[in-house]
Amino acid sequence: MTTTHRIGVIAGDGIGKEVIPAGIAAIEKATRGSSVSVSFSDLPWSCEYYTRHGRMMDEDGYERMAAFDALYMGALGAPGVSDAASAGLILGIRQKFDQYVNLRPMRLLKGLSSPLANRGAAEIDMICVRENSEGEYSGVGGRIHRGTAHEVAQQVGVFTRNGIERILRYGFEIAATRPRRMLASATKSNALTHSMVLWDEVAEIVRQDYPGVEYRKYHVDALAARMITHPQTLDVMVTSNLFGDILTDIGSAISGSLGIAPGANINPTRTHPSMFEPIHGSAPDIAGTGIANPIGAIWAGALMLEHLGHRDLHDRVLSAIERVVATGTVRTPDLGGSSKTTDVANAIVGEI
């Protein structure tokens, strides 16, 4: 019996439109000859759409997205369109569909060199479990007295006991399955004496249910430094929305490039579709040149296959990425090579 999954595709802007086709090709190759069928439907929502219609998506956009099994996004953002508009779509999807887990693996793949001296693949293997629906990106706040000397902007971080507890439990569950069985909680309770103190208090309660996982609390600045100085001592990190956004850029950079990093926006209850994307942006400076790294998008596609219940297909795609990277012969400029996006994509599809 064939299992069919319907995927809504928001390729978006810039290099998103270049890397998502590579991810789709990899998924189609991985599922070929299997009992899994994946159909893709294009959702042409982007900053280009915004300039034509004054909004980032159709009025019935959420209703249309809700009908899919998962969403596959490239990147959003373009010169001339405010970040508030483009980021508003991403944040809206995450909140509307309660995608409260943002999962970002950070690994130095064999064959790649880290900017950190004398670090190998075994030493940089982390995963960030980022709270994705509230915190600093809750959207609460505003501005008054615009354009005057008395202008005020307020951005409110919203932290709930339920939101903190569920992201910590998700992180502990993942840590319990990994070889190092360690969890680092990112806090800043020495300065954020309301939100992060609540975070720490909930973490102390939740940790009691996971005695087999080594728990450590780090102030986020110290954790950022530790990612550089002692990455081999870190495994699973659980963070707030803002902290995770920043730390995963560091993690991707020390893993070789932001171009290889995947992200998953997960609704663990599966009451709404989850969304998968590379963590890089639309990169307008290189859009159209054909040199964008497609690995992050392809890896995100593998995470989507895993979420849909096909760990074997995830492994097939990821192992193909690993083999291509290990050869060192086909690499885009961000990894020190001269290959094109299509060269890397074709090599990975060929390995699959």
Protein backbone atom coordinates (compact mmCIF):
# COMPACT_ATOMS: atom_id res chain seq x y z
CA MET A 1 0.00 0.00 0.00
CA THR A 2 1.33 3.42 -0.98
CA THR A 3 1.42 6.24 1.58
CA THR A 4 0.88 9.63 -0.02
CA HIS A 5 1.91 12.94 1.54
CA ARG A 6 0.80 16.35 0.30
CA ILE A 7 3.40 19.09 0.75
CA GLY A 8 2.80 22.82 0.40
CA VAL A 9 5.87 24.55 -1.03
CA ILE A 10 6.69 28.19 -0.29
CA ALA A 11 9.96 28.65 -2.19
CA GLY A 12 9.77 32.37 -1.41
CA ASP A 13 12.47 34.82 -2.40
CA GLY A 14 16.06 34.97 -3.55
CA ILE A 15 18.00 31.74 -3.23
CA GLY A 16 14.94 30.05 -1.74
CA LYS A 17 13.72 29.57 -5.30
CA GLU A 18 17.06 27.97 -6.21
CA VAL A 19 17.56 25.56 -3.30
CA ILE A 20 14.01 24.26 -2.87
CA PRO A 21 14.01 22.57 -6.32
CA ALA A 22 17.16 20.74 -5.20
CA GLY A 23 15.39 19.55 -2.08
CA ILE A 24 12.36 18.40 -4.04
CA ALA A 25 14.59 16.47 -6.45
CA ALA A 26 16.29 14.72 -3.52
CA ILE A 27 12.97 13.79 -1.92
CA GLU A 28 11.59 12.47 -5.20
CA LYS A 29 14.70 10.37 -5.74
CA ALA A 30 14.62 9.01 -2.17
CA THR A 31 10.98 7.96 -2.45
CA ARG A 32 11.28 6.46 -5.92
CA GLY A 33 10.59 2.74 -5.81
CA SER A 34 9.37 2.91 -2.22
CA SER A 35 5.88 2.70 -0.77
CA VAL A 36 5.91 6.48 -0.17
CA SER A 37 4.58 9.03 -2.60
CA VAL A 38 5.02 12.78 -2.13
CA SER A 39 3.12 15.43 -4.09
CA PHE A 40 4.17 19.07 -4.06
CA SER A 41 1.90 22.08 -4.49
CA ASP A 42 3.40 25.50 -5.12
CA LEU A 43 2.25 28.35 -2.91
CA PRO A 44 3.64 31.49 -4.62
CA TRP A 45 3.81 33.67 -1.53
CA SER A 46 6.82 35.92 -1.27
CA CYS A 47 8.01 39.51 -1.13
CA GLU A 48 7.37 39.67 -4.86
CA TYR A 49 3.78 38.68 -4.13
CA TYR A 50 3.70 41.38 -1.46
CA THR A 51 4.76 44.11 -3.87
CA ARG A 52 1.92 43.13 -6.20
CA HIS A 53 -0.85 42.54 -3.66
CA GLY A 54 0.13 44.41 -0.50
CA ARG A 55 0.14 41.23 1.58
CA MET A 56 2.44 38.23 1.91
CA MET A 57 -0.16 35.58 1.06
CA ASP A 58 -3.73 35.05 -0.06
CA GLU A 59 -6.48 35.88 2.41
CA ASP A 60 -7.32 32.19 2.77
CA GLY A 61 -3.64 31.24 3.09
CA TYR A 62 -3.81 29.61 6.50
CA GLU A 63 -6.84 27.55 5.52
CA ARG A 64 -5.02 26.32 2.41
CA MET A 65 -1.83 25.49 4.33
CA ALA A 66 -3.79 23.60 6.98
CA ALA A 67 -4.80 21.02 4.37
CA PHE A 68 -1.21 19.87 3.77
CA ASP A 69 0.71 17.19 5.66
CA ALA A 70 3.75 19.48 5.87
CA LEU A 71 5.12 22.75 4.55
CA TYR A 72 8.47 23.21 2.79
CA MET A 73 9.88 26.75 2.77
CA GLY A 74 12.92 28.23 1.06
CA ALA A 75 13.48 31.77 2.32
CA LEU A 76 11.63 35.06 2.64
CA GLY A 77 13.02 38.57 2.37
CA ALA A 78 13.88 41.08 -0.32
CA PRO A 79 15.22 44.63 -0.59
CA GLY A 80 12.40 47.13 -0.53
CA VAL A 81 10.08 44.98 1.58
CA SER A 82 10.19 45.47 5.33
CA ASP A 83 11.36 42.66 7.56
CA ALA A 84 8.13 43.12 9.49
CA ALA A 85 6.21 41.97 6.42
CA SER A 86 8.41 39.04 5.41
CA ALA A 87 9.17 37.79 8.92
CA GLY A 88 5.52 38.27 9.79
CA LEU A 89 4.57 35.40 7.50
CA ILE A 90 7.09 33.01 9.04
CA LEU A 91 6.20 33.95 12.60
CA GLY A 92 2.51 33.82 11.76
CA ILE A 93 2.78 30.27 10.43
CA ARG A 94 4.74 29.12 13.48
CA GLN A 95 2.21 30.60 15.88
CA LYS A 96 -0.97 29.80 13.94
CA PHE A 97 -0.02 26.14 13.62
CA ASP A 98 1.48 25.89 17.13
CA GLN A 99 4.86 24.86 15.75
CA TYR A 100 6.36 25.41 19.15
CA VAL A 101 9.51 23.38 18.52
CA ASN A 102 12.23 24.77 16.29
CA LEU A 103 14.72 21.96 15.80
CA ARG A 104 18.14 22.76 14.35
CA PRO A 105 20.94 20.17 14.09
CA MET A 106 24.47 21.61 14.11
CA ARG A 107 27.06 19.10 12.91
CA LEU A 108 30.48 19.33 11.38
CA LEU A 109 30.19 16.82 8.57
CA LYS A 110 33.23 14.69 7.78
CA GLY A 111 35.28 16.32 5.07
CA LEU A 112 34.49 19.88 6.12
CA SER A 113 36.81 22.17 8.05
CA SER A 114 35.54 24.21 10.96
CA PRO A 115 36.74 27.79 11.50
CA LEU A 116 37.69 26.49 14.94
CA ALA A 117 41.24 25.20 14.87
CA ASN A 118 41.89 21.49 15.31
CA ARG A 119 38.22 20.49 15.65
CA GLY A 120 36.89 17.36 14.00
CA ALA A 121 33.46 16.00 13.20
CA ALA A 122 33.19 14.08 16.48
CA GLU A 123 33.60 17.29 18.48
CA ILE A 124 30.88 19.41 16.85
CA ASP A 125 27.58 17.55 17.00
CA MET A 126 24.84 19.54 18.70
CA ILE A 127 21.14 20.09 18.32
CA CYS A 128 19.19 23.16 19.40
CA VAL A 129 15.63 22.81 20.64
CA ARG A 130 14.34 26.36 20.41
CA GLU A 131 11.02 27.57 21.77
CA ASN A 132 9.26 28.76 18.65
CA SER A 133 5.89 30.25 19.54
CA GLU A 134 6.34 32.83 22.28
CA GLY A 135 9.25 34.42 24.15
CA GLU A 136 10.92 37.41 22.56
CA TYR A 137 9.22 36.86 19.20
CA SER A 138 5.68 36.85 20.56
CA GLY A 139 4.86 40.02 18.65
CA VAL A 140 3.65 41.93 21.70
CA GLY A 141 4.64 45.58 21.80
CA GLY A 142 4.45 48.71 19.71
CA ARG A 143 5.73 52.22 19.01
CA ILE A 144 4.37 55.62 19.92
CA HIS A 145 5.33 59.20 19.06
CA ARG A 146 6.84 58.00 15.77
CA GLY A 147 9.29 60.37 14.14
CA THR A 148 9.62 62.60 17.17
CA ALA A 149 12.33 63.07 19.76
CA HIS A 150 10.08 61.29 22.21
CA GLU A 151 9.59 58.11 20.18
CA VAL A 152 9.26 54.95 22.23
CA ALA A 153 9.44 51.32 21.10
CA GLN A 154 8.46 48.44 23.33
CA GLN A 155 9.05 44.75 22.55
CA VAL A 156 7.63 42.41 25.17
CA GLY A 157 8.92 38.92 25.78
CA VAL A 158 6.05 36.63 26.72
CA PHE A 159 6.94 33.49 28.68
CA THR A 160 4.36 31.03 29.99
CA ARG A 161 4.88 28.11 32.33
CA ASN A 162 3.21 25.81 29.81
CA GLY A 163 5.37 27.06 26.95
CA ILE A 164 8.59 26.66 28.92
CA GLU A 165 7.69 23.24 30.27
CA ARG A 166 6.71 21.70 26.95
CA ILE A 167 9.87 22.85 25.14
CA LEU A 168 12.07 21.60 27.98
CA ARG A 169 10.35 18.21 28.00
CA TYR A 170 10.82 17.94 24.24
CA GLY A 171 14.52 18.70 24.69
CA PHE A 172 14.96 16.17 27.49
CA GLU A 173 13.23 13.49 25.41
CA ILE A 174 15.68 14.09 22.57
CA ALA A 175 18.69 14.18 24.90
CA ALA A 176 17.65 10.83 26.36
CA THR A 177 18.05 9.23 22.91
CA ARG A 178 21.47 10.68 22.07
CA PRO A 179 24.85 9.16 23.00
CA ARG A 180 26.03 12.01 25.23
CA ARG A 181 22.70 12.29 27.10
CA MET A 182 23.37 15.91 28.04
CA LEU A 183 21.09 18.95 28.06
CA ALA A 184 22.13 22.57 28.37
CA SER A 185 19.48 25.12 29.30
CA ALA A 186 20.18 28.63 28.00
CA THR A 187 19.15 31.32 30.47
CA LYS A 188 19.93 34.91 31.43
CA SER A 189 18.28 34.98 34.84
CA ASN A 190 21.01 37.22 36.26
CA ALA A 191 19.57 40.08 34.18
CA LEU A 192 16.09 39.01 33.02
CA THR A 193 14.80 38.53 36.52
CA HIS A 194 11.21 37.69 35.65
CA SER A 195 11.10 35.68 32.41
CA MET A 196 14.35 33.76 32.81
CA VAL A 197 13.88 33.13 36.52
CA LEU A 198 10.60 31.44 35.62
CA TRP A 199 12.47 29.51 32.91
CA ASP A 200 15.03 28.29 35.47
CA GLU A 201 12.38 27.33 38.00
CA VAL A 202 10.49 25.23 35.45
CA ALA A 203 13.73 23.62 34.26
CA GLU A 204 14.56 22.55 37.81
CA ILE A 205 11.17 20.84 38.07
CA VAL A 206 11.29 19.15 34.66
CA ARG A 207 14.84 17.84 35.09
CA GLN A 208 13.67 15.67 37.99
CA ASP A 209 11.76 13.49 35.53
CA TYR A 210 14.91 12.76 33.51
CA PRO A 211 17.57 11.48 35.92
CA GLY A 212 19.42 9.77 33.07
CA VAL A 213 20.17 13.07 31.33
CA GLU A 214 22.98 15.29 32.59
CA TYR A 215 21.54 18.78 33.07
CA ARG A 216 23.48 22.02 33.05
CA LYS A 217 22.33 25.61 33.22
CA TYR A 218 24.31 28.23 31.29
CA HIS A 219 23.89 31.95 30.95
CA VAL A 220 23.46 32.42 27.24
CA ASP A 221 26.61 34.51 26.81
CA ALA A 222 28.66 31.83 28.54
CA LEU A 223 27.00 29.17 26.39
CA ALA A 224 27.88 31.09 23.22
CA ALA A 225 31.49 31.23 24.36
CA ARG A 226 31.47 27.53 25.23
CA MET A 227 30.29 26.65 21.72
CA ILE A 228 33.56 28.17 20.51
CA THR A 229 35.96 26.98 23.21
CA HIS A 230 34.53 23.58 24.19
CA PRO A 231 31.97 22.44 21.58
CA GLN A 232 32.62 18.79 22.40
CA THR A 233 30.99 19.31 25.82
CA LEU A 234 27.63 20.33 24.35
CA ASP A 235 24.88 18.11 23.01
CA VAL A 236 21.23 19.26 23.24
CA MET A 237 20.56 22.92 23.96
CA VAL A 238 17.10 24.18 24.95
CA THR A 239 16.63 27.87 24.40
CA SER A 240 14.15 30.68 24.17
CA ASN A 241 13.14 31.99 20.77
CA LEU A 242 15.72 34.76 20.52
CA PHE A 243 18.58 32.89 22.19
CA GLY A 244 18.12 29.90 19.90
CA ASP A 245 18.04 32.08 16.81
CA ILE A 246 21.43 33.54 17.68
CA LEU A 247 23.12 30.41 19.00
CA THR A 248 22.21 28.32 15.97
CA ASP A 249 23.90 30.81 13.65
CA ILE A 250 27.04 30.32 15.73
CA GLY A 251 26.58 26.56 15.62
CA SER A 252 26.12 26.55 11.86
CA ALA A 253 29.12 28.80 11.32
CA ILE A 254 31.44 26.54 13.32
CA SER A 255 30.01 23.59 11.37
CA GLY A 256 31.31 25.05 8.14
CA SER A 257 28.58 27.31 6.76
CA LEU A 258 25.05 28.55 7.34
CA GLY A 259 24.36 27.04 3.93
CA ILE A 260 24.35 23.48 5.25
CA ALA A 261 22.07 24.04 8.24
CA PRO A 262 18.49 22.69 8.26
CA GLY A 263 15.58 23.72 10.44
CA ALA A 264 12.28 22.12 11.42
CA ASN A 265 9.29 23.97 12.86
CA ILE A 266 7.39 21.16 14.52
CA ASN A 267 3.88 20.80 15.86
CA PRO A 268 4.46 17.73 18.07
CA THR A 269 0.75 17.03 18.49
CA ARG A 270 0.36 16.82 14.68
CA THR A 271 -2.88 18.77 14.89
CA HIS A 272 -1.41 21.18 12.34
CA PRO A 273 1.24 20.83 9.62
CA SER A 274 4.88 21.30 10.53
CA MET A 275 7.22 23.39 8.37
CA PHE A 276 10.76 22.62 7.20
CA GLU A 277 13.33 25.08 5.88
CA PRO A 278 17.04 25.83 5.65
CA ILE A 279 18.01 28.38 8.29
CA HIS A 280 19.74 30.74 5.86
CA GLY A 281 17.98 33.77 4.46
CA SER A 282 17.13 34.79 0.93
CA ALA A 283 20.68 36.10 0.31
CA PRO A 284 19.82 38.74 -2.31
CA ASP A 285 23.54 39.42 -2.82
CA ILE A 286 24.02 36.02 -4.50
CA ALA A 287 20.49 35.31 -5.74
CA GLY A 288 20.49 34.44 -9.41
CA THR A 289 24.19 33.60 -9.56
CA GLY A 290 23.63 29.87 -9.15
CA ILE A 291 26.11 29.43 -6.32
CA ALA A 292 23.77 29.01 -3.32
CA ASN A 293 24.46 25.96 -1.19
CA PRO A 294 21.47 23.57 -1.45
CA ILE A 295 22.54 21.28 1.40
CA GLY A 296 20.52 23.06 4.09
CA ALA A 297 17.35 22.77 2.02
CA ILE A 298 18.01 19.14 1.14
CA TRP A 299 18.72 18.27 4.76
CA ALA A 300 15.53 20.08 5.80
CA GLY A 301 13.69 17.88 3.32
CA ALA A 302 15.19 14.86 5.01
CA LEU A 303 13.91 16.11 8.38
CA MET A 304 10.48 16.43 6.80
CA LEU A 305 10.59 12.80 5.67
CA GLU A 306 11.53 11.76 9.20
CA HIS A 307 8.67 13.77 10.69
CA LEU A 308 6.26 12.13 8.26
CA GLY A 309 7.29 8.74 9.63
CA HIS A 310 10.01 7.66 7.22
CA ARG A 311 13.28 7.56 9.14
CA ASP A 312 14.75 5.23 6.52
CA LEU A 313 14.24 7.81 3.79
CA HIS A 314 15.71 10.53 6.02
CA ASP A 315 18.79 8.38 6.50
CA ARG A 316 19.03 7.74 2.77
CA VAL A 317 19.13 11.46 2.01
CA LEU A 318 21.42 12.41 4.88
CA SER A 319 23.93 9.66 4.12
CA ALA A 320 24.03 10.86 0.50
CA ILE A 321 24.81 14.39 1.73
CA GLU A 322 27.56 13.00 3.96
CA ARG A 323 29.15 11.01 1.13
CA VAL A 324 29.15 13.96 -1.26
CA VAL A 325 30.61 16.30 1.35
CA ALA A 326 33.26 13.75 2.35
CA THR A 327 34.64 13.54 -1.21
CA GLY A 328 35.51 17.22 -1.15
CA THR A 329 35.11 17.50 -4.92
CA VAL A 330 31.73 19.19 -5.27
CA ARG A 331 31.34 22.24 -3.06
CA THR A 332 29.78 25.65 -3.39
CA PRO A 333 31.89 28.78 -2.69
CA ASP A 334 30.71 29.09 0.93
CA LEU A 335 32.51 25.79 1.56
CA GLY A 336 35.61 26.81 -0.33
CA GLY A 337 34.70 25.31 -3.71
CA SER A 338 33.59 26.58 -7.08
CA SER A 339 30.63 24.31 -7.81
CA LYS A 340 27.18 25.54 -8.72
CA THR A 341 23.97 24.85 -6.85
CA THR A 342 22.94 22.37 -9.52
CA ASP A 343 26.30 20.57 -9.34
CA VAL A 344 25.88 19.86 -5.64
CA ALA A 345 22.22 18.98 -6.02
CA ASN A 346 22.93 16.56 -8.88
CA ALA A 347 25.75 14.92 -6.92
CA ILE A 348 23.52 14.32 -3.90
CA VAL A 349 20.63 13.04 -6.00
CA GLY A 350 23.08 10.74 -7.76
CA GLU A 351 24.28 9.35 -4.43
CA ILE A 352 20.71 8.73 -3.29
